[in-house]
Amino acid sequence: MSKIVLITGASGLIGKALMKSLLDQGYFVHTLTTQKPKTHPKPNVKEFYWNPIGNEIDLQSLEGVESIVNLAGAPIAQRWTKAAKNRITNSRVKSLEVLAHNIKTHNFPIKHLISASAIGIYANSITHYYEEKDAQFSSNSYLSSVVHRWEAAVRSFDMENLKVSILRIGIVLDAKKGALPKMMFPIRNYMGAVLGNGDQWQSWIHIEDLVALISHVLKLRIEGVFNAVAPNPVQQSEMTTAIGCVLKKPIVFPNVSESLLKLMLGEMSAIVLESQRVCAKKIQQTGFKFKFHEISAALKSLV
């Protein structure tokens, strides 16, 4: 019988791509959804309801499961009101707490947990080149605090014979969803501009490489914390220029100043202004090989 993998956050950008890949590899997939399942899922897929905030979970979702890939979390790119901040944090922390509690309480023999995290755990820096051991360099920013609480919740999976992997994911590049379409829109319409001074580092990863990386960790059951980013981060000015080049559109507008971005986006401007140059060496040392090392090749494959 094929192995069963439980995916939380399966309706998101990463979750959809991962589920397709795992099904193609012959896995059976269980998914947890906060919407009552209405439609018939695909072959080899079973959908189950849960409400982490209300501590609800359909226990059948955990039956026969060997590995869990936890991708649950409300989108970061929304206006950071007090209510939104609570949703962003609780959707990540409570998801892990509910899973851990029910696995322990009902003695489900789960063998491996892979939990998403983010490079926002690292402090804003133009000069530092972050490895996994550098999380202590984190700042007091909202993003950093969310990721610290997210990873702290993983510690509740302190169970014998259960391996834990944490993936600190960078900017995921996909043609239809996520950050890239938002970056392309103004450039495509001749309104492209570098954000801030353009020196801030953006550590990115192609969606194909991210799915392959998760599959690699899943298949080999590799424990530990890993940066899920491409080997060659770029500065924001280089990212903007590369997108313009691929779209064959000139970047003619002056830089959008940091003060204007803060006025427009408020605290959420940190998403585009903070700088994290992140190293991929540790995951490469496990034998993982990236398909897309350079931003230009990644963009050409997507656009």
Protein backbone atom coordinates (compact mmCIF):
# COMPACT_ATOMS: atom_id res chain seq x y z
CA MET A 1 0.00 0.00 0.00
CA SER A 2 1.24 3.50 -0.80
CA LYS A 3 2.19 5.79 2.06
CA ILE A 4 -0.37 8.30 3.33
CA VAL A 5 0.68 11.93 3.77
CA LEU A 6 -1.49 14.47 5.59
CA ILE A 7 -1.25 18.03 4.21
CA THR A 8 -2.58 21.07 6.05
CA GLY A 9 -2.95 24.21 3.96
CA ALA A 10 -3.48 22.07 0.86
CA SER A 11 -5.60 24.75 -0.82
CA GLY A 12 -2.75 27.27 -0.86
CA LEU A 13 -0.09 27.92 -3.49
CA ILE A 14 2.44 25.46 -2.08
CA GLY A 15 -0.13 22.93 -0.91
CA LYS A 16 -1.79 22.53 -4.32
CA ALA A 17 1.52 22.07 -6.12
CA LEU A 18 2.79 19.64 -3.49
CA MET A 19 -0.38 17.54 -3.52
CA LYS A 20 -0.19 17.16 -7.31
CA SER A 21 3.45 16.10 -7.08
CA LEU A 22 2.82 13.57 -4.29
CA LEU A 23 -0.13 12.03 -6.16
CA ASP A 24 2.06 11.72 -9.26
CA GLN A 25 4.62 9.91 -7.09
CA GLY A 26 2.01 7.38 -5.93
CA TYR A 27 1.24 8.71 -2.46
CA PHE A 28 -2.23 8.79 -0.91
CA VAL A 29 -3.07 12.24 0.46
CA HIS A 30 -5.27 13.34 3.34
CA THR A 31 -6.04 17.05 3.61
CA LEU A 32 -7.43 19.14 6.45
CA THR A 33 -9.69 22.01 5.45
CA THR A 34 -11.47 24.70 7.47
CA GLN A 35 -14.37 24.52 4.99
CA LYS A 36 -16.78 21.60 5.27
CA PRO A 37 -15.84 19.31 2.35
CA LYS A 38 -18.55 19.56 -0.32
CA THR A 39 -17.02 18.29 -3.54
CA HIS A 40 -15.72 14.85 -4.33
CA PRO A 41 -11.91 14.98 -4.04
CA LYS A 42 -9.52 13.60 -6.59
CA PRO A 43 -8.65 9.88 -6.65
CA ASN A 44 -6.34 8.94 -3.76
CA VAL A 45 -7.30 12.13 -1.88
CA LYS A 46 -9.49 12.32 1.24
CA GLU A 47 -10.62 15.65 2.70
CA PHE A 48 -11.37 16.18 6.38
CA TYR A 49 -12.71 19.14 8.35
CA TRP A 50 -10.90 20.92 11.14
CA ASN A 51 -11.16 24.17 13.04
CA PRO A 52 -7.86 24.74 14.84
CA ILE A 53 -9.05 27.91 16.58
CA GLY A 54 -11.95 25.91 18.03
CA ASN A 55 -9.74 22.88 18.79
CA GLU A 56 -11.75 20.74 16.35
CA ILE A 57 -10.27 18.05 14.13
CA ASP A 58 -11.67 14.99 12.37
CA LEU A 59 -9.52 12.20 13.85
CA GLN A 60 -10.04 10.05 10.76
CA SER A 61 -7.64 12.45 9.02
CA LEU A 62 -4.77 11.00 11.09
CA GLU A 63 -5.60 7.32 10.60
CA GLY A 64 -2.91 5.46 8.66
CA VAL A 65 -0.84 8.63 8.21
CA GLU A 66 2.95 8.28 8.29
CA SER A 67 3.97 11.87 7.55
CA ILE A 68 2.44 15.33 7.96
CA VAL A 69 3.32 18.39 5.88
CA ASN A 70 2.06 21.42 7.78
CA LEU A 71 1.52 24.44 5.52
CA ALA A 72 -1.41 25.98 7.41
CA GLY A 73 -1.44 29.73 7.91
CA ALA A 74 -3.45 32.81 6.99
CA PRO A 75 -1.85 34.98 4.25
CA ILE A 76 0.76 37.47 5.47
CA ALA A 77 -0.05 39.93 2.67
CA GLN A 78 -3.12 41.56 4.18
CA ARG A 79 -3.61 44.82 6.04
CA TRP A 80 -2.08 44.28 9.48
CA THR A 81 -4.97 45.28 11.69
CA LYS A 82 -5.05 43.87 15.21
CA ALA A 83 -7.60 41.25 14.10
CA ALA A 84 -5.51 40.29 11.05
CA LYS A 85 -2.38 39.90 13.18
CA ASN A 86 -4.27 37.56 15.49
CA ARG A 87 -5.45 35.50 12.49
CA ILE A 88 -1.95 35.33 11.02
CA THR A 89 -0.38 34.19 14.29
CA ASN A 90 -3.13 31.92 15.61
CA SER A 91 -3.66 30.13 12.29
CA ARG A 92 -0.03 29.00 12.48
CA VAL A 93 0.38 28.31 16.18
CA LYS A 94 -3.01 26.71 16.88
CA SER A 95 -2.73 24.39 13.86
CA LEU A 96 0.41 22.83 15.30
CA GLU A 97 -0.93 22.70 18.85
CA VAL A 98 -4.13 20.92 17.79
CA LEU A 99 -2.21 18.38 15.73
CA ALA A 100 0.30 17.67 18.50
CA HIS A 101 -2.38 17.36 21.19
CA ASN A 102 -4.46 14.86 19.21
CA ILE A 103 -1.51 12.80 18.04
CA LYS A 104 -0.34 12.45 21.67
CA THR A 105 -3.79 11.91 23.16
CA HIS A 106 -4.80 9.21 20.69
CA ASN A 107 -1.34 7.68 20.17
CA PHE A 108 -1.27 8.04 16.39
CA PRO A 109 2.06 6.56 15.20
CA ILE A 110 3.12 9.52 13.05
CA LYS A 111 6.74 9.13 11.95
CA HIS A 112 7.59 12.52 10.43
CA LEU A 113 6.42 16.13 10.64
CA ILE A 114 7.53 18.72 8.08
CA SER A 115 6.44 22.19 9.14
CA ALA A 116 6.66 25.36 7.10
CA SER A 117 8.37 28.38 8.58
CA ALA A 118 9.75 31.56 7.01
CA ILE A 119 12.99 33.46 6.55
CA GLY A 120 11.31 36.36 8.36
CA ILE A 121 12.77 34.80 11.51
CA TYR A 122 16.07 36.47 10.59
CA ALA A 123 16.76 40.11 11.37
CA ASN A 124 16.65 42.81 8.72
CA SER A 125 20.24 43.12 7.43
CA ILE A 126 21.95 44.16 4.22
CA THR A 127 25.31 42.62 5.16
CA HIS A 128 24.61 39.36 7.03
CA TYR A 129 24.46 36.04 5.15
CA TYR A 130 22.10 33.91 7.22
CA GLU A 131 22.55 30.23 7.96
CA GLU A 132 20.08 28.16 9.98
CA LYS A 133 21.99 28.66 13.22
CA ASP A 134 21.55 32.44 12.96
CA ALA A 135 17.95 32.70 14.19
CA GLN A 136 19.25 34.42 17.33
CA PHE A 137 19.88 37.47 15.13
CA SER A 138 16.12 38.02 14.90
CA SER A 139 14.61 41.45 15.46
CA ASN A 140 11.63 42.74 17.41
CA SER A 141 9.58 43.11 14.23
CA TYR A 142 6.11 41.65 13.94
CA LEU A 143 7.19 39.22 11.20
CA SER A 144 10.05 37.90 13.30
CA SER A 145 7.83 37.45 16.35
CA VAL A 146 5.26 35.48 14.32
CA VAL A 147 7.88 33.09 12.97
CA HIS A 148 9.46 32.59 16.39
CA ARG A 149 6.07 31.62 17.84
CA TRP A 150 5.40 29.41 14.80
CA GLU A 151 8.63 27.47 15.29
CA ALA A 152 8.16 27.35 19.08
CA ALA A 153 4.83 25.56 18.52
CA VAL A 154 6.70 22.79 16.68
CA ARG A 155 8.39 21.90 19.99
CA SER A 156 5.10 20.39 21.16
CA PHE A 157 5.90 17.45 18.84
CA ASP A 158 8.37 16.08 21.38
CA MET A 159 7.38 12.47 20.78
CA GLU A 160 9.52 9.39 20.64
CA ASN A 161 10.12 8.02 17.12
CA LEU A 162 8.75 11.19 15.47
CA LYS A 163 11.19 13.10 13.30
CA VAL A 164 10.69 16.85 12.85
CA SER A 165 11.79 19.07 9.96
CA ILE A 166 11.34 22.85 9.76
CA LEU A 167 11.61 24.61 6.39
CA ARG A 168 12.26 28.37 6.43
CA ILE A 169 10.73 29.36 3.12
CA GLY A 170 11.70 32.44 1.13
CA ILE A 171 9.72 34.31 -1.55
CA VAL A 172 7.98 31.60 -3.59
CA LEU A 173 7.94 32.35 -7.32
CA ASP A 174 4.92 31.03 -9.22
CA ALA A 175 3.42 32.29 -12.47
CA LYS A 176 -0.18 32.61 -11.28
CA LYS A 177 -0.22 33.09 -7.53
CA GLY A 178 1.83 34.55 -4.71
CA ALA A 179 4.34 37.38 -4.88
CA LEU A 180 5.43 37.23 -8.54
CA PRO A 181 2.14 38.27 -10.22
CA LYS A 182 1.95 41.22 -7.80
CA MET A 183 5.51 42.24 -8.71
CA MET A 184 4.86 41.80 -12.44
CA PHE A 185 1.61 43.77 -12.62
CA PRO A 186 3.02 47.33 -12.44
CA ILE A 187 6.04 46.39 -14.59
CA ARG A 188 3.82 44.83 -17.24
CA ASN A 189 1.82 48.08 -17.31
CA TYR A 190 4.89 50.34 -17.67
CA MET A 191 4.67 51.46 -14.04
CA GLY A 192 7.52 49.39 -12.64
CA ALA A 193 9.85 50.88 -10.04
CA VAL A 194 12.43 49.70 -7.55
CA LEU A 195 11.06 49.58 -4.00
CA GLY A 196 12.97 51.54 -1.36
CA ASN A 197 16.65 52.02 -2.11
CA GLY A 198 16.71 48.61 -3.84
CA ASP A 199 19.58 47.26 -1.75
CA GLN A 200 17.44 44.92 0.35
CA TRP A 201 18.09 41.23 -0.28
CA GLN A 202 15.26 39.00 -1.47
CA SER A 203 15.79 35.28 -0.96
CA TRP A 204 13.52 33.47 -3.39
CA ILE A 205 12.72 29.93 -4.54
CA HIS A 206 10.99 28.59 -7.65
CA ILE A 207 7.77 26.70 -6.85
CA GLU A 208 9.10 23.59 -8.64
CA ASP A 209 12.23 23.58 -6.50
CA LEU A 210 10.24 24.10 -3.31
CA VAL A 211 7.95 21.16 -4.06
CA ALA A 212 10.97 19.02 -4.96
CA LEU A 213 12.72 20.10 -1.76
CA ILE A 214 9.73 19.13 0.41
CA SER A 215 9.52 15.77 -1.40
CA HIS A 216 13.26 15.26 -0.82
CA VAL A 217 12.93 15.89 2.93
CA LEU A 218 9.80 13.71 3.06
CA LYS A 219 11.30 10.79 1.19
CA LEU A 220 14.56 10.71 3.18
CA ARG A 221 12.94 11.78 6.48
CA ILE A 222 15.65 14.34 7.06
CA GLU A 223 15.43 15.97 10.49
CA GLY A 224 16.39 19.54 11.35
CA VAL A 225 15.92 23.16 10.30
CA PHE A 226 16.59 24.06 6.67
CA ASN A 227 16.44 27.25 4.63
CA ALA A 228 14.17 26.65 1.64
CA VAL A 229 15.65 29.27 -0.69
CA ALA A 230 17.52 29.21 -4.01
CA PRO A 231 21.34 29.36 -3.81
CA ASN A 232 21.54 32.90 -5.23
CA PRO A 233 19.48 35.61 -3.50
CA VAL A 234 19.15 38.94 -5.31
CA GLN A 235 18.74 42.53 -4.24
CA GLN A 236 15.39 44.20 -4.87
CA SER A 237 16.76 46.36 -7.69
CA GLU A 238 18.07 43.24 -9.45
CA MET A 239 14.74 41.45 -9.01
CA THR A 240 12.85 44.39 -10.54
CA THR A 241 15.30 44.68 -13.45
CA ALA A 242 15.16 40.92 -14.11
CA ILE A 243 11.35 40.94 -14.23
CA GLY A 244 11.44 43.93 -16.59
CA CYS A 245 13.93 42.15 -18.82
CA VAL A 246 11.85 38.97 -19.04
CA LEU A 247 8.67 40.95 -19.73
CA LYS A 248 10.58 43.21 -22.15
CA LYS A 249 9.33 46.29 -20.29
CA PRO A 250 11.54 49.22 -19.27
CA ILE A 251 11.83 50.31 -15.64
CA VAL A 252 11.37 54.06 -16.11
CA PHE A 253 9.88 55.30 -12.84
CA PRO A 254 12.11 56.49 -9.98
CA ASN A 255 12.45 54.39 -6.85
CA VAL A 256 9.39 54.28 -4.58
CA SER A 257 10.74 55.81 -1.38
CA GLU A 258 10.72 53.96 1.91
CA SER A 259 8.66 56.73 3.51
CA LEU A 260 5.98 56.49 0.79
CA LEU A 261 5.81 52.71 1.12
CA LYS A 262 5.38 53.06 4.89
CA LEU A 263 2.65 55.64 4.33
CA MET A 264 0.86 53.37 1.83
CA LEU A 265 1.32 50.02 3.55
CA GLY A 266 1.95 50.92 7.17
CA GLU A 267 3.71 48.25 9.21
CA MET A 268 3.15 45.77 6.38
CA SER A 269 5.80 47.64 4.33
CA ALA A 270 8.28 45.38 6.14
CA ILE A 271 7.38 42.66 3.61
CA VAL A 272 9.08 44.60 0.81
CA LEU A 273 11.61 46.67 2.77
CA GLU A 274 13.22 44.13 5.09
CA SER A 275 16.36 42.39 3.87
CA GLN A 276 17.33 38.76 4.47
CA ARG A 277 20.17 37.22 2.48
CA VAL A 278 19.77 33.53 3.23
CA CYS A 279 22.07 30.57 2.55
CA ALA A 280 20.89 27.29 0.93
CA LYS A 281 24.08 25.33 1.68
CA LYS A 282 22.68 23.07 4.42
CA ILE A 283 19.88 21.56 2.30
CA GLN A 284 22.31 21.10 -0.60
CA GLN A 285 24.59 19.10 1.69
CA THR A 286 21.79 16.54 2.10
CA GLY A 287 22.00 15.82 -1.64
CA PHE A 288 19.25 18.11 -2.84
CA LYS A 289 19.92 19.67 -6.23
CA PHE A 290 18.20 22.88 -7.29
CA LYS A 291 16.87 23.17 -10.83
CA PHE A 292 16.77 26.98 -10.71
CA HIS A 293 19.87 28.68 -9.27
CA GLU A 294 19.61 32.09 -11.00
CA ILE A 295 16.69 34.51 -10.94
CA SER A 296 16.75 35.07 -14.72
CA ALA A 297 16.31 31.36 -15.50
CA ALA A 298 13.57 31.02 -12.89
CA LEU A 299 11.64 33.96 -14.30
CA LYS A 300 12.00 32.80 -17.90
CA SER A 301 10.50 29.42 -16.95
CA LEU A 302 7.51 31.09 -15.32
CA VAL A 303 6.66 34.03 -17.60
